[in-house]
Amino acid sequence: MDRSQSPLTAKAINAILLDIEGTTTPVDFVYEILFPYARSRVREYLSANFPSSQAEINALIEENAQDKARGFNPPSLKDPSRQVSIDGVTAYIHWLMDRDRKSSPLKSLQGKIWEEGYLKGELRGQVFEDVPRALRRWRDQGRLIFIYSSGSVLAQKLLFAHTEFGDLTSFIDGYFDTTIGSKKEAESYRRIAHTIKLQPAGTLFVSDVTSELDAAAASGLETVLCSRPGNAEAEAGARRVINSFDEINIDDSSQ
């Protein structure tokens, strides 16, 4: 049987590390619901929370300067009086979103805007129907479950706390975002393994992005490519491919 299509039987897997977009959650939910929701409310949120958003704004000022130094042409954050303005920050955030930038301060602000949406009942997290079933199965098997996403830890927790299947956060042992490093760098996965106190080979990373899986594999993690409806086509090579978490069959009898 082709290894890329065979059932996964990994005898030494102690933890499952999951991507969100295109893995636990439909891509369309992120791009057609979450991102437009945050984009349309950025200015309103900043107007109400400008002082308390200073840490993110300072990080955006630094990122904006780096963009200019690299020869890009981002919107200025300052008004004609040379003061950082809500309009300027809003325009720059929109500019970053147009480029799908994995910016930590952007992701932090998005998470806070989504938090308001979840609390108001205007948002509900979406996961594929096999996800709750798999989380329960892995928890019953005694395996640890972690999330690693470009979205902020707050955004991750909110999504899993407000799904149509109920609050799934009790199944999840921890969350990682890009503050630990880029998802396309092997060192990020080494840091995660160190943080959860497991050898890399004892952790399985599931994602729909091959460059992320390549980085994880380079750090010693086991990897599986997740193919979901709406995902961009990815070249699996010799890597295992799944269409559902039901196909992640970890054989305890071989331990």
Protein backbone atom coordinates (compact mmCIF):
# COMPACT_ATOMS: atom_id res chain seq x y z
CA MET A 1 0.00 0.00 0.00
CA ASP A 2 1.17 3.56 -0.77
CA ARG A 3 2.47 4.98 2.53
CA SER A 4 0.83 8.34 1.79
CA GLN A 5 -2.60 6.67 1.67
CA SER A 6 -2.17 4.05 4.40
CA PRO A 7 -3.82 4.30 7.83
CA LEU A 8 -1.57 6.03 10.34
CA THR A 9 -0.24 3.68 12.99
CA ALA A 10 2.36 5.46 15.08
CA LYS A 11 3.24 3.53 18.20
CA ALA A 12 5.12 6.29 20.05
CA ILE A 13 2.80 9.27 19.57
CA ASN A 14 2.13 10.93 22.91
CA ALA A 15 0.80 14.28 21.66
CA ILE A 16 -1.18 15.64 18.72
CA LEU A 17 -0.38 19.16 17.46
CA LEU A 18 -3.09 20.61 15.21
CA ASP A 19 -3.22 23.47 12.75
CA ILE A 20 -6.61 25.24 12.56
CA GLU A 21 -7.31 26.81 9.15
CA GLY A 22 -7.91 24.03 6.62
CA THR A 23 -7.28 21.33 9.26
CA THR A 24 -9.77 21.56 12.13
CA THR A 25 -11.73 24.40 10.56
CA PRO A 26 -12.95 25.22 7.02
CA VAL A 27 -10.84 27.79 5.19
CA ASP A 28 -14.01 29.64 4.21
CA PHE A 29 -14.88 30.29 7.85
CA VAL A 30 -11.59 32.13 8.31
CA TYR A 31 -11.59 34.10 5.07
CA GLU A 32 -15.30 34.72 4.56
CA ILE A 33 -16.47 35.20 8.16
CA LEU A 34 -13.69 35.89 10.66
CA PHE A 35 -11.45 38.16 8.57
CA PRO A 36 -14.28 40.35 7.18
CA TYR A 37 -15.78 40.62 10.67
CA ALA A 38 -12.53 41.94 12.12
CA ARG A 39 -11.77 44.17 9.14
CA SER A 40 -15.11 45.95 9.31
CA ARG A 41 -14.74 46.62 13.04
CA VAL A 42 -11.07 47.61 13.38
CA ARG A 43 -11.68 51.37 13.46
CA GLU A 44 -14.60 51.06 15.88
CA TYR A 45 -12.56 48.83 18.19
CA LEU A 46 -9.54 51.15 18.16
CA SER A 47 -11.74 54.18 18.82
CA ALA A 48 -13.07 52.51 21.96
CA ASN A 49 -9.80 50.87 23.06
CA PHE A 50 -6.93 53.01 21.78
CA PRO A 51 -5.08 53.42 25.12
CA SER A 52 -5.42 49.75 26.06
CA SER A 53 -4.19 48.72 22.59
CA GLN A 54 -0.88 50.55 22.96
CA ALA A 55 1.26 47.40 23.03
CA GLU A 56 -0.14 46.24 19.68
CA ILE A 57 0.08 49.79 18.24
CA ASN A 58 3.75 50.10 19.25
CA ALA A 59 4.48 46.75 17.58
CA LEU A 60 2.62 47.90 14.46
CA ILE A 61 4.69 51.11 14.37
CA GLU A 62 7.86 49.00 14.40
CA GLU A 63 6.52 46.64 11.74
CA ASN A 64 5.47 49.61 9.59
CA ALA A 65 9.00 51.03 9.78
CA GLN A 66 10.43 47.66 8.75
CA ASP A 67 8.07 47.52 5.77
CA LYS A 68 9.25 50.96 4.65
CA ALA A 69 12.89 49.94 5.10
CA ARG A 70 12.30 46.90 2.89
CA GLY A 71 11.03 49.15 0.10
CA PHE A 72 7.32 48.52 0.52
CA ASN A 73 4.83 51.36 0.52
CA PRO A 74 2.57 50.80 3.56
CA PRO A 75 0.07 53.44 4.69
CA SER A 76 1.48 55.92 7.19
CA LEU A 77 0.31 55.50 10.76
CA LYS A 78 0.60 59.25 11.40
CA ASP A 79 -1.70 62.15 10.61
CA PRO A 80 -0.47 65.51 9.18
CA SER A 81 0.51 66.62 12.69
CA ARG A 82 2.85 63.60 12.92
CA GLN A 83 0.72 61.90 15.57
CA VAL A 84 -0.21 58.23 15.33
CA SER A 85 -3.88 58.18 14.40
CA ILE A 86 -6.73 55.70 14.52
CA ASP A 87 -7.27 56.19 10.78
CA GLY A 88 -3.60 55.51 10.09
CA VAL A 89 -3.49 52.35 12.22
CA THR A 90 -6.74 51.15 10.65
CA ALA A 91 -5.41 51.68 7.13
CA TYR A 92 -2.19 49.82 7.94
CA ILE A 93 -4.10 46.92 9.50
CA HIS A 94 -6.22 46.66 6.35
CA TRP A 95 -3.00 46.74 4.28
CA LEU A 96 -1.57 43.86 6.33
CA MET A 97 -4.79 41.88 6.01
CA ASP A 98 -4.80 42.36 2.24
CA ARG A 99 -1.41 40.61 2.23
CA ASP A 100 -2.47 37.89 4.68
CA ARG A 101 0.46 38.94 6.85
CA LYS A 102 1.11 36.69 9.86
CA SER A 103 1.67 39.72 12.07
CA SER A 104 1.52 39.10 15.82
CA PRO A 105 0.06 42.54 16.74
CA LEU A 106 -2.49 42.22 13.93
CA LYS A 107 -3.48 38.75 15.14
CA SER A 108 -3.74 40.03 18.71
CA LEU A 109 -6.14 42.82 17.72
CA GLN A 110 -8.18 40.47 15.54
CA GLY A 111 -8.55 38.09 18.49
CA LYS A 112 -9.86 40.87 20.73
CA ILE A 113 -12.37 41.98 18.08
CA TRP A 114 -13.54 38.39 17.61
CA GLU A 115 -13.88 38.03 21.38
CA GLU A 116 -16.50 40.76 21.34
CA GLY A 117 -18.24 39.01 18.44
CA TYR A 118 -18.38 35.66 20.22
CA LEU A 119 -19.63 37.26 23.43
CA LYS A 120 -22.37 39.09 21.52
CA GLY A 121 -23.40 35.86 19.79
CA GLU A 122 -22.50 37.29 16.38
CA LEU A 123 -19.82 34.65 15.81
CA ARG A 124 -19.78 30.90 16.30
CA GLY A 125 -16.68 28.77 15.81
CA GLN A 126 -16.70 26.17 13.08
CA VAL A 127 -14.92 22.81 13.10
CA PHE A 128 -15.33 19.78 10.87
CA GLU A 129 -17.73 17.17 12.26
CA ASP A 130 -14.97 14.60 12.82
CA VAL A 131 -12.97 16.97 15.06
CA PRO A 132 -14.96 16.61 18.35
CA ARG A 133 -15.02 12.86 17.89
CA ALA A 134 -11.24 12.73 17.39
CA LEU A 135 -10.53 15.01 20.34
CA ARG A 136 -12.55 12.75 22.61
CA ARG A 137 -10.84 9.63 21.22
CA TRP A 138 -7.33 11.00 21.71
CA ARG A 139 -8.18 12.21 25.19
CA ASP A 140 -9.57 8.76 26.09
CA GLN A 141 -6.30 7.27 24.81
CA GLY A 142 -4.38 9.51 27.19
CA ARG A 143 -2.75 11.61 24.50
CA LEU A 144 -2.09 15.32 24.86
CA ILE A 145 -3.68 17.72 22.36
CA PHE A 146 -2.24 21.09 21.35
CA ILE A 147 -3.10 23.78 18.81
CA TYR A 148 -0.55 25.74 16.74
CA SER A 149 -2.01 28.47 14.56
CA SER A 150 -1.08 31.86 13.12
CA GLY A 151 -4.11 33.27 14.93
CA SER A 152 -3.53 34.49 18.48
CA VAL A 153 -3.94 32.15 21.42
CA LEU A 154 -7.02 34.16 22.40
CA ALA A 155 -8.54 33.65 18.95
CA GLN A 156 -7.83 29.92 19.13
CA LYS A 157 -9.47 29.53 22.53
CA LEU A 158 -12.52 31.51 21.43
CA LEU A 159 -13.02 29.39 18.32
CA PHE A 160 -12.95 26.08 20.23
CA ALA A 161 -15.03 27.44 23.11
CA HIS A 162 -17.93 28.50 20.87
CA THR A 163 -18.47 25.74 18.31
CA GLU A 164 -21.78 24.28 17.16
CA PHE A 165 -20.65 21.10 18.98
CA GLY A 166 -20.24 23.00 22.24
CA ASP A 167 -17.16 24.04 24.19
CA LEU A 168 -14.23 21.83 23.11
CA THR A 169 -11.52 23.55 25.13
CA SER A 170 -11.58 20.88 27.85
CA PHE A 171 -9.95 18.50 25.36
CA ILE A 172 -7.08 20.86 24.55
CA ASP A 173 -3.96 20.97 26.72
CA GLY A 174 -2.33 24.07 25.29
CA TYR A 175 -2.14 26.62 22.50
CA PHE A 176 0.73 28.11 20.47
CA ASP A 177 0.77 31.05 18.09
CA THR A 178 3.50 32.83 16.13
CA THR A 179 4.96 34.39 19.28
CA ILE A 180 6.81 31.07 19.60
CA GLY A 181 8.07 31.41 16.02
CA SER A 182 7.05 31.05 12.40
CA LYS A 183 5.17 27.91 11.45
CA LYS A 184 7.59 27.50 8.55
CA GLU A 185 10.71 27.29 10.74
CA ALA A 186 11.91 24.04 12.31
CA GLU A 187 13.08 25.81 15.46
CA SER A 188 9.48 26.72 16.30
CA TYR A 189 8.56 23.05 16.57
CA ARG A 190 11.63 22.31 18.68
CA ARG A 191 10.50 25.06 21.06
CA ILE A 192 7.02 23.56 21.22
CA ALA A 193 8.39 20.08 21.97
CA HIS A 194 10.58 21.59 24.70
CA THR A 195 7.62 23.49 26.16
CA ILE A 196 5.37 20.43 26.32
CA LYS A 197 8.29 18.36 27.63
CA LEU A 198 8.14 15.68 24.95
CA GLN A 199 10.64 14.40 22.44
CA PRO A 200 9.81 15.72 18.94
CA ALA A 201 9.35 12.17 17.63
CA GLY A 202 6.55 11.68 20.16
CA THR A 203 4.45 14.46 18.64
CA LEU A 204 2.30 14.28 15.51
CA PHE A 205 1.68 17.54 13.62
CA VAL A 206 -1.36 17.75 11.34
CA SER A 207 -1.63 20.62 8.83
CA ASP A 208 -2.78 21.40 5.29
CA VAL A 209 0.39 23.38 4.48
CA THR A 210 3.35 21.37 3.21
CA SER A 211 5.95 24.03 4.11
CA GLU A 212 4.78 23.85 7.73
CA LEU A 213 4.90 20.07 7.66
CA ASP A 214 8.40 20.17 6.16
CA ALA A 215 9.57 22.43 9.00
CA ALA A 216 7.97 20.18 11.61
CA ALA A 217 9.51 17.07 10.05
CA ALA A 218 12.92 18.75 10.01
CA SER A 219 12.60 19.21 13.78
CA GLY A 220 11.82 15.51 14.23
CA LEU A 221 8.02 15.56 14.52
CA GLU A 222 5.80 13.02 12.80
CA THR A 223 3.61 14.73 10.19
CA VAL A 224 0.37 14.18 8.28
CA LEU A 225 -1.06 16.28 5.45
CA CYS A 226 -4.74 17.15 5.95
CA SER A 227 -6.82 17.51 2.78
CA ARG A 228 -10.16 19.22 3.41
CA PRO A 229 -12.85 20.71 1.15
CA GLY A 230 -11.80 24.19 0.05
CA ASN A 231 -8.08 23.66 0.70
CA ALA A 232 -5.51 24.56 -1.91
CA GLU A 233 -4.07 21.51 -3.64
CA ALA A 234 -0.85 20.38 -1.96
CA GLU A 235 1.85 17.98 -3.11
CA ALA A 236 2.10 15.26 -0.48
CA GLY A 237 5.11 13.37 -1.78
CA ALA A 238 5.66 10.36 0.47
CA ARG A 239 3.80 11.97 3.35
CA ARG A 240 0.57 10.43 4.62
CA VAL A 241 -2.60 12.21 3.52
CA ILE A 242 -5.89 12.23 5.43
CA ASN A 243 -9.30 13.65 4.59
CA SER A 244 -10.67 13.23 8.11
CA PHE A 245 -9.27 12.86 11.60
CA ASP A 246 -11.05 9.49 11.65
CA GLU A 247 -8.16 8.28 9.48
CA ILE A 248 -5.60 9.02 12.19
CA ASN A 249 -5.57 5.53 13.64
CA ILE A 250 -2.87 5.38 16.29
CA ASP A 251 -2.33 1.74 17.12
CA ASP A 252 -2.01 1.39 20.91
CA SER A 253 -1.56 -2.38 20.63
CA SER A 254 1.85 -1.89 19.04
CA GLN A 255 3.19 0.12 21.98
